[in-house]
C-alpha atoms as a PDB file:
ATOM      1  CA  UNK A   1       0.315 -13.009  -1.095  1.00  0.00           C
ATOM      2  CA  UNK A   2       3.932 -13.748  -2.135  1.00  0.00           C
ATOM      3  CA  UNK A   3       7.029 -11.466  -1.910  1.00  0.00           C
ATOM      4  CA  UNK A   4      10.365 -13.162  -2.775  1.00  0.00           C
ATOM      5  CA  UNK A   5       9.954 -16.442  -1.688  1.00  0.00           C
ATOM      6  CA  UNK A   6       7.845 -15.976   1.031  1.00  0.00           C
ATOM      7  CA  UNK A   7       4.374 -16.955   1.140  1.00  0.00           C
ATOM      8  CA  UNK A   8       1.036 -16.117   2.918  1.00  0.00           C
ATOM      9  CA  UNK A   9      -2.279 -15.730   3.230  1.00  0.00           C
ATOM     10  CA  UNK A  10      -4.381 -12.222   4.563  1.00  0.00           C
ATOM     11  CA  UNK A  11      -7.852 -11.284   5.075  1.00  0.00           C
ATOM     12  CA  UNK A  12      -8.937  -7.406   5.387  1.00  0.00           C
ATOM     13  CA  UNK A  13     -12.174  -6.927   7.612  1.00  0.00           C
ATOM     14  CA  UNK A  14     -14.245  -4.499   9.096  1.00  0.00           C
ATOM     15  CA  UNK A  15     -16.258  -5.552  11.743  1.00  0.00           C
ATOM     16  CA  UNK A  16     -19.936  -3.191  12.132  1.00  0.00           C
ATOM     17  CA  UNK A  17     -21.566  -6.674  14.062  1.00  0.00           C
ATOM     18  CA  UNK A  18     -21.911  -4.617  17.278  1.00  0.00           C
ATOM     19  CA  UNK A  19     -20.235  -8.180  18.397  1.00  0.00           C
ATOM     20  CA  UNK A  20     -17.009  -9.992  18.694  1.00  0.00           C
ATOM     21  CA  UNK A  21     -16.000 -12.454  15.695  1.00  0.00           C
ATOM     22  CA  UNK A  22     -13.196 -15.239  15.326  1.00  0.00           C
ATOM     23  CA  UNK A  23     -11.832 -15.442  12.032  1.00  0.00           C
ATOM     24  CA  UNK A  24      -9.922 -18.719  10.850  1.00  0.00           C
ATOM     25  CA  UNK A  25      -7.655 -18.031   7.738  1.00  0.00           C
ATOM     26  CA  UNK A  26      -5.952 -21.301   6.214  1.00  0.00           C
ATOM     27  CA  UNK A  27      -2.958 -21.800   3.747  1.00  0.00           C
ATOM     28  CA  UNK A  28      -2.968 -24.640   1.904  1.00  0.00           C
ATOM     29  CA  UNK A  29       0.148 -25.076   0.067  1.00  0.00           C
ATOM     30  CA  UNK A  30       0.975 -28.000  -2.524  1.00  0.00           C
ATOM     31  CA  UNK A  31       1.582 -31.119  -1.132  1.00  0.00           C
ATOM     32  CA  UNK A  32      -1.168 -30.724   1.449  1.00  0.00           C
ATOM     33  CA  UNK A  33       0.820 -28.718   3.834  1.00  0.00           C
ATOM     34  CA  UNK A  34      -1.835 -26.650   5.532  1.00  0.00           C
ATOM     35  CA  UNK A  35      -1.584 -23.688   8.189  1.00  0.00           C
ATOM     36  CA  UNK A  36      -4.419 -21.840  10.427  1.00  0.00           C
ATOM     37  CA  UNK A  37      -4.967 -19.324  12.000  1.00  0.00           C
ATOM     38  CA  UNK A  38      -7.303 -17.830  14.581  1.00  0.00           C
ATOM     39  CA  UNK A  39      -7.915 -14.069  15.223  1.00  0.00           C
ATOM     40  CA  UNK A  40     -10.549 -12.293  17.389  1.00  0.00           C
ATOM     41  CA  UNK A  41     -12.112  -9.844  14.689  1.00  0.00           C
ATOM     42  CA  UNK A  42     -12.815  -6.941  17.596  1.00  0.00           C
ATOM     43  CA  UNK A  43     -16.737  -5.475  17.916  1.00  0.00           C
ATOM     44  CA  UNK A  44     -15.689  -1.635  16.020  1.00  0.00           C
ATOM     45  CA  UNK A  45     -16.098  -0.268  12.918  1.00  0.00           C
ATOM     46  CA  UNK A  46     -12.187   0.046  11.720  1.00  0.00           C
ATOM     47  CA  UNK A  47     -10.631  -1.691   9.195  1.00  0.00           C
ATOM     48  CA  UNK A  48      -8.400  -4.740  10.383  1.00  0.00           C
ATOM     49  CA  UNK A  49      -6.336  -7.807   9.416  1.00  0.00           C
ATOM     50  CA  UNK A  50      -5.378 -11.166   9.932  1.00  0.00           C
ATOM     51  CA  UNK A  51      -2.842 -13.552   7.839  1.00  0.00           C
ATOM     52  CA  UNK A  52      -0.582 -16.225   8.769  1.00  0.00           C
ATOM     53  CA  UNK A  53       3.019 -16.416   9.141  1.00  0.00           C
ATOM     54  CA  UNK A  54       4.936 -16.321   6.599  1.00  0.00           C
ATOM     55  CA  UNK A  55       6.789 -19.264   4.781  1.00  0.00           C
ATOM     56  CA  UNK A  56       9.195 -20.122   2.198  1.00  0.00           C
ATOM     57  CA  UNK A  57       7.590 -20.906  -1.199  1.00  0.00           C
ATOM     58  CA  UNK A  58       7.319 -24.729  -1.414  1.00  0.00           C
ATOM     59  CA  UNK A  59       6.202 -24.104  -5.540  1.00  0.00           C
ATOM     60  CA  UNK A  60       4.395 -21.608  -7.409  1.00  0.00           C
ATOM     61  CA  UNK A  61       2.309 -19.082  -6.132  1.00  0.00           C
ATOM     62  CA  UNK A  62      -0.255 -20.372  -7.952  1.00  0.00           C
ATOM     63  CA  UNK A  63      -0.457 -23.479  -6.047  1.00  0.00           C
ATOM     64  CA  UNK A  64      -1.076 -21.977  -2.920  1.00  0.00           C
ATOM     65  CA  UNK A  65      -4.900 -21.692  -1.662  1.00  0.00           C
ATOM     66  CA  UNK A  66      -6.327 -19.162   1.124  1.00  0.00           C
ATOM     67  CA  UNK A  67     -10.215 -19.678   2.434  1.00  0.00           C
ATOM     68  CA  UNK A  68     -10.944 -16.971   5.088  1.00  0.00           C
ATOM     69  CA  UNK A  69     -13.995 -18.146   7.267  1.00  0.00           C
ATOM     70  CA  UNK A  70     -15.408 -15.681  10.053  1.00  0.00           C
ATOM     71  CA  UNK A  71     -18.227 -16.746  12.642  1.00  0.00           C
ATOM     72  CA  UNK A  72     -19.836 -15.626  16.048  1.00  0.00           C
ATOM     73  CA  UNK A  73     -16.670 -15.396  18.208  1.00  0.00           C
ATOM     74  CA  UNK A  74     -17.262 -18.377  21.206  1.00  0.00           C
ATOM     75  CA  UNK A  75     -16.515 -21.876  22.227  1.00  0.00           C
ATOM     76  CA  UNK A  76     -19.238 -24.831  21.206  1.00  0.00           C
ATOM     77  CA  UNK A  77     -21.170 -25.562  18.026  1.00  0.00           C
ATOM     78  CA  UNK A  78     -23.471 -23.083  18.606  1.00  0.00           C
ATOM     79  CA  UNK A  79     -21.625 -20.189  17.107  1.00  0.00           C
ATOM     80  CA  UNK A  80     -22.985 -19.662  13.313  1.00  0.00           C
ATOM     81  CA  UNK A  81     -21.011 -18.986  10.587  1.00  0.00           C
ATOM     82  CA  UNK A  82     -21.282 -15.716   8.788  1.00  0.00           C
ATOM     83  CA  UNK A  83     -18.422 -16.045   6.007  1.00  0.00           C
ATOM     84  CA  UNK A  84     -16.577 -18.217   3.874  1.00  0.00           C
ATOM     85  CA  UNK A  85     -14.088 -16.892   1.230  1.00  0.00           C
ATOM     86  CA  UNK A  86     -11.511 -18.317  -0.580  1.00  0.00           C
ATOM     87  CA  UNK A  87      -8.979 -17.307  -3.180  1.00  0.00           C
ATOM     88  CA  UNK A  88      -8.994 -17.197  -7.268  1.00  0.00           C
ATOM     89  CA  UNK A  89      -6.258 -19.198  -8.685  1.00  0.00           C
ATOM     90  CA  UNK A  90      -3.982 -17.914 -10.890  1.00  0.00           C
ATOM     91  CA  UNK A  91      -5.146 -18.435 -14.384  1.00  0.00           C
ATOM     92  CA  UNK A  92      -2.934 -17.731 -17.551  1.00  0.00           C
ATOM     93  CA  UNK A  93      -6.002 -15.927 -19.448  1.00  0.00           C
ATOM     94  CA  UNK A  94      -6.765 -13.633 -16.521  1.00  0.00           C
ATOM     95  CA  UNK A  95     -10.109 -13.124 -14.971  1.00  0.00           C
END
């Protein structure tokens, strides 16, 4: 997402699994800079959002990518990855 010179990532969710989840949202900027946040996703069927902090853009918005991952909440390697989704790159020809 961008507004003026600010850039950030946002993902929307609705959790109908009846168990808490973790969302990890990563914003990758030009030059290798990465910002990642972890958001708790409550066990409720209400819409919600998770977003990274806004930062001043370091290049064209098309140079940024974002990845959202949703996994079972909890510590350890036994929590399953449920969903991984990435952003589209802006294409001059459209999609």
